[in-house]
PDB file of all heavy atoms in Angstrom:
ATOM      1  N   TYR A   1      -9.114  -4.567  -2.100  1.00  0.00           N
ATOM      2  CA  TYR A   1      -8.952  -4.573  -0.648  1.00  0.00           C
ATOM      3  C   TYR A   1      -7.714  -3.782  -0.223  1.00  0.00           C
ATOM      4  O   TYR A   1      -7.128  -4.042   0.819  1.00  0.00           O
ATOM      5  CB  TYR A   1      -8.901  -6.005  -0.121  1.00  0.00           C
ATOM      6  CG  TYR A   1     -10.254  -6.677  -0.223  1.00  0.00           C
ATOM      7  CD1 TYR A   1     -10.606  -7.391  -1.363  1.00  0.00           C
ATOM      8  CD2 TYR A   1     -11.199  -6.531   0.788  1.00  0.00           C
ATOM      9  CE1 TYR A   1     -11.856  -7.971  -1.486  1.00  0.00           C
ATOM     10  CE2 TYR A   1     -12.453  -7.104   0.674  1.00  0.00           C
ATOM     11  CZ  TYR A   1     -12.781  -7.822  -0.456  1.00  0.00           C
ATOM     12  OH  TYR A   1     -14.024  -8.385  -0.565  1.00  0.00           O
ATOM     13  N   LEU A   2      -7.368  -2.806  -1.055  1.00  0.00           N
ATOM     14  CA  LEU A   2      -6.241  -1.944  -0.713  1.00  0.00           C
ATOM     15  C   LEU A   2      -6.469  -1.239   0.617  1.00  0.00           C
ATOM     16  O   LEU A   2      -5.532  -1.041   1.398  1.00  0.00           O
ATOM     17  CB  LEU A   2      -6.013  -0.923  -1.827  1.00  0.00           C
ATOM     18  CG  LEU A   2      -4.885   0.082  -1.627  1.00  0.00           C
ATOM     19  CD1 LEU A   2      -3.532  -0.615  -1.544  1.00  0.00           C
ATOM     20  CD2 LEU A   2      -4.879   1.112  -2.761  1.00  0.00           C
ATOM     21  N   LYS A   3      -7.706  -0.873   0.897  1.00  0.00           N
ATOM     22  CA  LYS A   3      -8.001  -0.166   2.154  1.00  0.00           C
ATOM     23  C   LYS A   3      -7.613  -1.014   3.365  1.00  0.00           C
ATOM     24  O   LYS A   3      -7.110  -0.487   4.371  1.00  0.00           O
ATOM     25  CB  LYS A   3      -9.480   0.202   2.231  1.00  0.00           C
ATOM     26  CG  LYS A   3     -10.441  -0.969   2.263  1.00  0.00           C
ATOM     27  CD  LYS A   3     -11.882  -0.510   2.297  1.00  0.00           C
ATOM     28  CE  LYS A   3     -12.864  -1.663   2.437  1.00  0.00           C
ATOM     29  NZ  LYS A   3     -12.730  -2.667   1.367  1.00  0.00           N
ATOM     30  N   ASP A   4      -7.839  -2.328   3.297  1.00  0.00           N
ATOM     31  CA  ASP A   4      -7.483  -3.204   4.409  1.00  0.00           C
ATOM     32  C   ASP A   4      -5.974  -3.274   4.582  1.00  0.00           C
ATOM     33  O   ASP A   4      -5.466  -3.299   5.714  1.00  0.00           O
ATOM     34  CB  ASP A   4      -8.050  -4.606   4.178  1.00  0.00           C
ATOM     35  CG  ASP A   4      -9.561  -4.643   4.302  1.00  0.00           C
ATOM     36  OD1 ASP A   4     -10.127  -3.716   4.901  1.00  0.00           O
ATOM     37  OD2 ASP A   4     -10.171  -5.595   3.798  1.00  0.00           O
ATOM     38  N   LEU A   5      -5.251  -3.304   3.475  1.00  0.00           N
ATOM     39  CA  LEU A   5      -3.790  -3.294   3.557  1.00  0.00           C
ATOM     40  C   LEU A   5      -3.298  -2.005   4.189  1.00  0.00           C
ATOM     41  O   LEU A   5      -2.402  -2.015   5.047  1.00  0.00           O
ATOM     42  CB  LEU A   5      -3.191  -3.475   2.162  1.00  0.00           C
ATOM     43  CG  LEU A   5      -1.665  -3.370   2.055  1.00  0.00           C
ATOM     44  CD1 LEU A   5      -0.979  -4.384   2.961  1.00  0.00           C
ATOM     45  CD2 LEU A   5      -1.224  -3.552   0.603  1.00  0.00           C
ATOM     46  N   LEU A   6      -3.874  -0.868   3.812  1.00  0.00           N
ATOM     47  CA  LEU A   6      -3.456   0.414   4.384  1.00  0.00           C
ATOM     48  C   LEU A   6      -3.760   0.484   5.884  1.00  0.00           C
ATOM     49  O   LEU A   6      -2.962   1.025   6.669  1.00  0.00           O
ATOM     50  CB  LEU A   6      -4.146   1.559   3.642  1.00  0.00           C
ATOM     51  CG  LEU A   6      -3.771   1.715   2.163  1.00  0.00           C
ATOM     52  CD1 LEU A   6      -4.642   2.776   1.500  1.00  0.00           C
ATOM     53  CD2 LEU A   6      -2.298   2.060   2.007  1.00  0.00           C
ATOM     54  N   ILE A   7      -4.900  -0.056   6.301  1.00  0.00           N
ATOM     55  CA  ILE A   7      -5.229  -0.106   7.735  1.00  0.00           C
ATOM     56  C   ILE A   7      -4.198  -0.949   8.476  1.00  0.00           C
ATOM     57  O   ILE A   7      -3.711  -0.572   9.555  1.00  0.00           O
ATOM     58  CB  ILE A   7      -6.650  -0.672   7.935  1.00  0.00           C
ATOM     59  CG1 ILE A   7      -7.690   0.329   7.435  1.00  0.00           C
ATOM     60  CG2 ILE A   7      -6.905  -1.011   9.407  1.00  0.00           C
ATOM     61  CD1 ILE A   7      -9.096  -0.246   7.352  1.00  0.00           C
ATOM     62  N   ALA A   8      -3.835  -2.095   7.905  1.00  0.00           N
ATOM     63  CA  ALA A   8      -2.860  -2.978   8.541  1.00  0.00           C
ATOM     64  C   ALA A   8      -1.479  -2.321   8.620  1.00  0.00           C
ATOM     65  O   ALA A   8      -0.754  -2.482   9.607  1.00  0.00           O
ATOM     66  CB  ALA A   8      -2.778  -4.295   7.787  1.00  0.00           C
ATOM     67  N   ILE A   9      -1.106  -1.583   7.581  1.00  0.00           N
ATOM     68  CA  ILE A   9       0.181  -0.876   7.589  1.00  0.00           C
ATOM     69  C   ILE A   9       0.237   0.115   8.750  1.00  0.00           C
ATOM     70  O   ILE A   9       1.234   0.194   9.476  1.00  0.00           O
ATOM     71  CB  ILE A   9       0.389  -0.166   6.240  1.00  0.00           C
ATOM     72  CG1 ILE A   9       0.702  -1.192   5.149  1.00  0.00           C
ATOM     73  CG2 ILE A   9       1.509   0.876   6.327  1.00  0.00           C
ATOM     74  CD1 ILE A   9       0.655  -0.631   3.739  1.00  0.00           C
ATOM     75  N   ASP A  10      -0.836   0.865   8.946  1.00  0.00           N
ATOM     76  CA  ASP A  10      -0.884   1.803  10.068  1.00  0.00           C
ATOM     77  C   ASP A  10      -0.838   1.068  11.403  1.00  0.00           C
ATOM     78  O   ASP A  10      -0.150   1.494  12.343  1.00  0.00           O
ATOM     79  CB  ASP A  10      -2.149   2.655   9.988  1.00  0.00           C
ATOM     80  CG  ASP A  10      -2.080   3.726   8.913  1.00  0.00           C
ATOM     81  OD1 ASP A  10      -0.963   4.004   8.429  1.00  0.00           O
ATOM     82  OD2 ASP A  10      -3.135   4.277   8.544  1.00  0.00           O
ATOM     83  N   ALA A  11      -1.560  -0.046  11.516  1.00  0.00           N
ATOM     84  CA  ALA A  11      -1.596  -0.803  12.766  1.00  0.00           C
ATOM     85  C   ALA A  11      -0.220  -1.357  13.124  1.00  0.00           C
ATOM     86  O   ALA A  11       0.131  -1.464  14.312  1.00  0.00           O
ATOM     87  CB  ALA A  11      -2.611  -1.941  12.661  1.00  0.00           C
ATOM     88  N   CYS A  12       0.569  -1.697  12.108  1.00  0.00           N
ATOM     89  CA  CYS A  12       1.918  -2.223  12.341  1.00  0.00           C
ATOM     90  C   CYS A  12       2.961  -1.118  12.493  1.00  0.00           C
ATOM     91  O   CYS A  12       4.151  -1.407  12.655  1.00  0.00           O
ATOM     92  CB  CYS A  12       2.312  -3.151  11.194  1.00  0.00           C
ATOM     93  SG  CYS A  12       1.361  -4.689  11.137  1.00  0.00           S
ATOM     94  N   LYS A  13       2.502   0.128  12.426  1.00  0.00           N
ATOM     95  CA  LYS A  13       3.366   1.305  12.599  1.00  0.00           C
ATOM     96  C   LYS A  13       4.488   1.350  11.558  1.00  0.00           C
ATOM     97  O   LYS A  13       5.620   1.761  11.845  1.00  0.00           O
ATOM     98  CB  LYS A  13       3.936   1.370  14.025  1.00  0.00           C
ATOM     99  CG  LYS A  13       2.857   1.426  15.090  1.00  0.00           C
ATOM    100  CD  LYS A  13       3.457   1.640  16.467  1.00  0.00           C
ATOM    101  CE  LYS A  13       2.390   1.587  17.557  1.00  0.00           C
ATOM    102  NZ  LYS A  13       1.262   2.494  17.322  1.00  0.00           N
ATOM    103  N   LEU A  14       4.164   0.931  10.352  1.00  0.00           N
ATOM    104  CA  LEU A  14       5.106   1.034   9.246  1.00  0.00           C
ATOM    105  C   LEU A  14       4.964   2.397   8.569  1.00  0.00           C
ATOM    106  O   LEU A  14       3.875   2.974   8.541  1.00  0.00           O
ATOM    107  CB  LEU A  14       4.856  -0.071   8.227  1.00  0.00           C
ATOM    108  CG  LEU A  14       5.212  -1.486   8.682  1.00  0.00           C
ATOM    109  CD1 LEU A  14       4.573  -2.521   7.753  1.00  0.00           C
ATOM    110  CD2 LEU A  14       6.716  -1.687   8.734  1.00  0.00           C
ATOM    111  N   THR A  15       6.049   2.892   8.026  1.00  0.00           N
ATOM    112  CA  THR A  15       6.052   4.156   7.290  1.00  0.00           C
ATOM    113  C   THR A  15       5.937   3.876   5.799  1.00  0.00           C
ATOM    114  O   THR A  15       6.668   3.034   5.264  1.00  0.00           O
ATOM    115  CB  THR A  15       7.349   4.937   7.557  1.00  0.00           C
ATOM    116  OG1 THR A  15       7.417   5.278   8.942  1.00  0.00           O
ATOM    117  CG2 THR A  15       7.405   6.209   6.718  1.00  0.00           C
ATOM    118  N   THR A  16       5.019   4.556   5.129  1.00  0.00           N
ATOM    119  CA  THR A  16       4.900   4.438   3.675  1.00  0.00           C
ATOM    120  C   THR A  16       5.877   5.414   3.030  1.00  0.00           C
ATOM    121  O   THR A  16       5.729   6.634   3.159  1.00  0.00           O
ATOM    122  CB  THR A  16       3.468   4.729   3.206  1.00  0.00           C
ATOM    123  OG1 THR A  16       2.565   3.803   3.827  1.00  0.00           O
ATOM    124  CG2 THR A  16       3.361   4.588   1.694  1.00  0.00           C
ATOM    125  N   VAL A  17       6.870   4.884   2.339  1.00  0.00           N
ATOM    126  CA  VAL A  17       7.879   5.700   1.664  1.00  0.00           C
ATOM    127  C   VAL A  17       7.352   6.175   0.312  1.00  0.00           C
ATOM    128  O   VAL A  17       7.467   7.343  -0.039  1.00  0.00           O
ATOM    129  CB  VAL A  17       9.190   4.911   1.486  1.00  0.00           C
ATOM    130  CG1 VAL A  17      10.263   5.789   0.835  1.00  0.00           C
ATOM    131  CG2 VAL A  17       9.688   4.360   2.817  1.00  0.00           C
ATOM    132  N   ASN A  18       6.780   5.248  -0.452  1.00  0.00           N
ATOM    133  CA  ASN A  18       6.167   5.560  -1.749  1.00  0.00           C
ATOM    134  C   ASN A  18       4.966   4.654  -1.973  1.00  0.00           C
ATOM    135  O   ASN A  18       4.933   3.521  -1.493  1.00  0.00           O
ATOM    136  CB  ASN A  18       7.127   5.330  -2.913  1.00  0.00           C
ATOM    137  CG  ASN A  18       8.176   6.410  -3.064  1.00  0.00           C
ATOM    138  OD1 ASN A  18       9.356   6.149  -2.845  1.00  0.00           O
ATOM    139  ND2 ASN A  18       7.772   7.601  -3.457  1.00  0.00           N
ATOM    140  N   HIS A  19       4.013   5.176  -2.709  1.00  0.00           N
ATOM    141  CA  HIS A  19       2.912   4.366  -3.234  1.00  0.00           C
ATOM    142  C   HIS A  19       3.152   4.281  -4.740  1.00  0.00           C
ATOM    143  O   HIS A  19       2.847   5.204  -5.489  1.00  0.00           O
ATOM    144  CB  HIS A  19       1.570   5.010  -2.917  1.00  0.00           C
ATOM    145  CG  HIS A  19       0.404   4.153  -3.226  1.00  0.00           C
ATOM    146  ND1 HIS A  19      -0.763   4.175  -2.492  1.00  0.00           N
ATOM    147  CD2 HIS A  19       0.196   3.221  -4.194  1.00  0.00           C
ATOM    148  CE1 HIS A  19      -1.626   3.309  -2.988  1.00  0.00           C
ATOM    149  NE2 HIS A  19      -1.071   2.734  -4.035  1.00  0.00           N
ATOM    150  N   ILE A  20       3.719   3.160  -5.163  1.00  0.00           N
ATOM    151  CA  ILE A  20       4.131   2.959  -6.550  1.00  0.00           C
ATOM    152  C   ILE A  20       2.983   2.331  -7.336  1.00  0.00           C
ATOM    153  O   ILE A  20       2.244   1.498  -6.817  1.00  0.00           O
ATOM    154  CB  ILE A  20       5.381   2.048  -6.602  1.00  0.00           C
ATOM    155  CG1 ILE A  20       6.559   2.725  -5.871  1.00  0.00           C
ATOM    156  CG2 ILE A  20       5.765   1.714  -8.035  1.00  0.00           C
ATOM    157  CD1 ILE A  20       7.679   1.763  -5.514  1.00  0.00           C
ATOM    158  N   ILE A  21       2.849   2.743  -8.586  1.00  0.00           N
ATOM    159  CA  ILE A  21       1.909   2.120  -9.503  1.00  0.00           C
ATOM    160  C   ILE A  21       2.706   1.325 -10.537  1.00  0.00           C
ATOM    161  O   ILE A  21       3.572   1.885 -11.226  1.00  0.00           O
ATOM    162  CB  ILE A  21       1.029   3.162 -10.223  1.00  0.00           C
ATOM    163  CG1 ILE A  21       0.174   3.934  -9.205  1.00  0.00           C
ATOM    164  CG2 ILE A  21       0.149   2.491 -11.267  1.00  0.00           C
ATOM    165  CD1 ILE A  21      -0.820   3.090  -8.444  1.00  0.00           C
ATOM    166  N   TRP A  22       2.441   0.020 -10.614  1.00  0.00           N
ATOM    167  CA  TRP A  22       3.033  -0.796 -11.670  1.00  0.00           C
ATOM    168  C   TRP A  22       2.034  -0.893 -12.805  1.00  0.00           C
ATOM    169  O   TRP A  22       0.999  -1.519 -12.694  1.00  0.00           O
ATOM    170  CB  TRP A  22       3.404  -2.188 -11.145  1.00  0.00           C
ATOM    171  CG  TRP A  22       3.715  -3.160 -12.256  1.00  0.00           C
ATOM    172  CD1 TRP A  22       4.273  -2.878 -13.472  1.00  0.00           C
ATOM    173  CD2 TRP A  22       3.457  -4.573 -12.258  1.00  0.00           C
ATOM    174  NE1 TRP A  22       4.382  -4.021 -14.230  1.00  0.00           N
ATOM    175  CE2 TRP A  22       3.891  -5.074 -13.519  1.00  0.00           C
ATOM    176  CE3 TRP A  22       2.908  -5.442 -11.327  1.00  0.00           C
ATOM    177  CZ2 TRP A  22       3.782  -6.422 -13.845  1.00  0.00           C
ATOM    178  CZ3 TRP A  22       2.811  -6.785 -11.660  1.00  0.00           C
ATOM    179  CH2 TRP A  22       3.240  -7.264 -12.900  1.00  0.00           C
ATOM    180  N   LYS A  23       2.326  -0.248 -13.913  1.00  0.00           N
ATOM    181  CA  LYS A  23       1.487  -0.250 -15.110  1.00  0.00           C
ATOM    182  C   LYS A  23       1.994  -1.327 -16.055  1.00  0.00           C
ATOM    183  O   LYS A  23       3.127  -1.262 -16.524  1.00  0.00           O
ATOM    184  CB  LYS A  23       1.539   1.122 -15.793  1.00  0.00           C
ATOM    185  CG  LYS A  23       0.906   1.183 -17.177  1.00  0.00           C
ATOM    186  CD  LYS A  23      -0.608   1.057 -17.124  1.00  0.00           C
ATOM    187  CE  LYS A  23      -1.207   1.250 -18.511  1.00  0.00           C
ATOM    188  NZ  LYS A  23      -0.914   0.111 -19.429  1.00  0.00           N
ATOM    189  N   TYR A  24       1.160  -2.350 -16.291  1.00  0.00           N
ATOM    190  CA  TYR A  24       1.556  -3.399 -17.223  1.00  0.00           C
ATOM    191  C   TYR A  24       0.826  -3.223 -18.554  1.00  0.00           C
ATOM    192  O   TYR A  24       0.056  -2.278 -18.729  1.00  0.00           O
ATOM    193  CB  TYR A  24       1.324  -4.789 -16.623  1.00  0.00           C
ATOM    194  CG  TYR A  24      -0.010  -5.008 -15.959  1.00  0.00           C
ATOM    195  CD1 TYR A  24      -1.134  -5.352 -16.696  1.00  0.00           C
ATOM    196  CD2 TYR A  24      -0.138  -4.891 -14.572  1.00  0.00           C
ATOM    197  CE1 TYR A  24      -2.347  -5.572 -16.086  1.00  0.00           C
ATOM    198  CE2 TYR A  24      -1.355  -5.111 -13.948  1.00  0.00           C
ATOM    199  CZ  TYR A  24      -2.461  -5.451 -14.712  1.00  0.00           C
ATOM    200  OH  TYR A  24      -3.665  -5.664 -14.100  1.00  0.00           O
ATOM    201  N   GLN A  25       1.075  -4.131 -19.499  1.00  0.00           N
ATOM    202  CA  GLN A  25       0.679  -3.839 -20.878  1.00  0.00           C
ATOM    203  C   GLN A  25      -0.733  -4.265 -21.234  1.00  0.00           C
ATOM    204  O   GLN A  25      -1.236  -3.894 -22.289  1.00  0.00           O
ATOM    205  CB  GLN A  25       1.681  -4.474 -21.865  1.00  0.00           C
ATOM    206  CG  GLN A  25       1.554  -5.991 -22.061  1.00  0.00           C
ATOM    207  CD  GLN A  25       2.376  -6.776 -21.073  1.00  0.00           C
ATOM    208  OE1 GLN A  25       2.545  -6.377 -19.928  1.00  0.00           O
ATOM    209  NE2 GLN A  25       2.898  -7.905 -21.506  1.00  0.00           N
ATOM    210  N   PHE A  26      -1.418  -5.036 -20.394  1.00  0.00           N
ATOM    211  CA  PHE A  26      -2.784  -5.404 -20.741  1.00  0.00           C
ATOM    212  C   PHE A  26      -3.527  -5.863 -19.494  1.00  0.00           C
ATOM    213  O   PHE A  26      -2.952  -6.302 -18.512  1.00  0.00           O
ATOM    214  CB  PHE A  26      -2.807  -6.535 -21.787  1.00  0.00           C
ATOM    215  CG  PHE A  26      -2.076  -7.777 -21.347  1.00  0.00           C
ATOM    216  CD1 PHE A  26      -2.678  -8.699 -20.502  1.00  0.00           C
ATOM    217  CD2 PHE A  26      -0.786  -8.018 -21.776  1.00  0.00           C
ATOM    218  CE1 PHE A  26      -2.005  -9.843 -20.097  1.00  0.00           C
ATOM    219  CE2 PHE A  26      -0.101  -9.152 -21.365  1.00  0.00           C
ATOM    220  CZ  PHE A  26      -0.716 -10.071 -20.525  1.00  0.00           C
TER     221      PHE A  26
END
């Protein structure tokens, strides 16, 4: 549901500084 989070971020007029990927071990 990442798309819903991105829609909400735009609706709240927040600026995306980075889209970070957290890679874990399994």
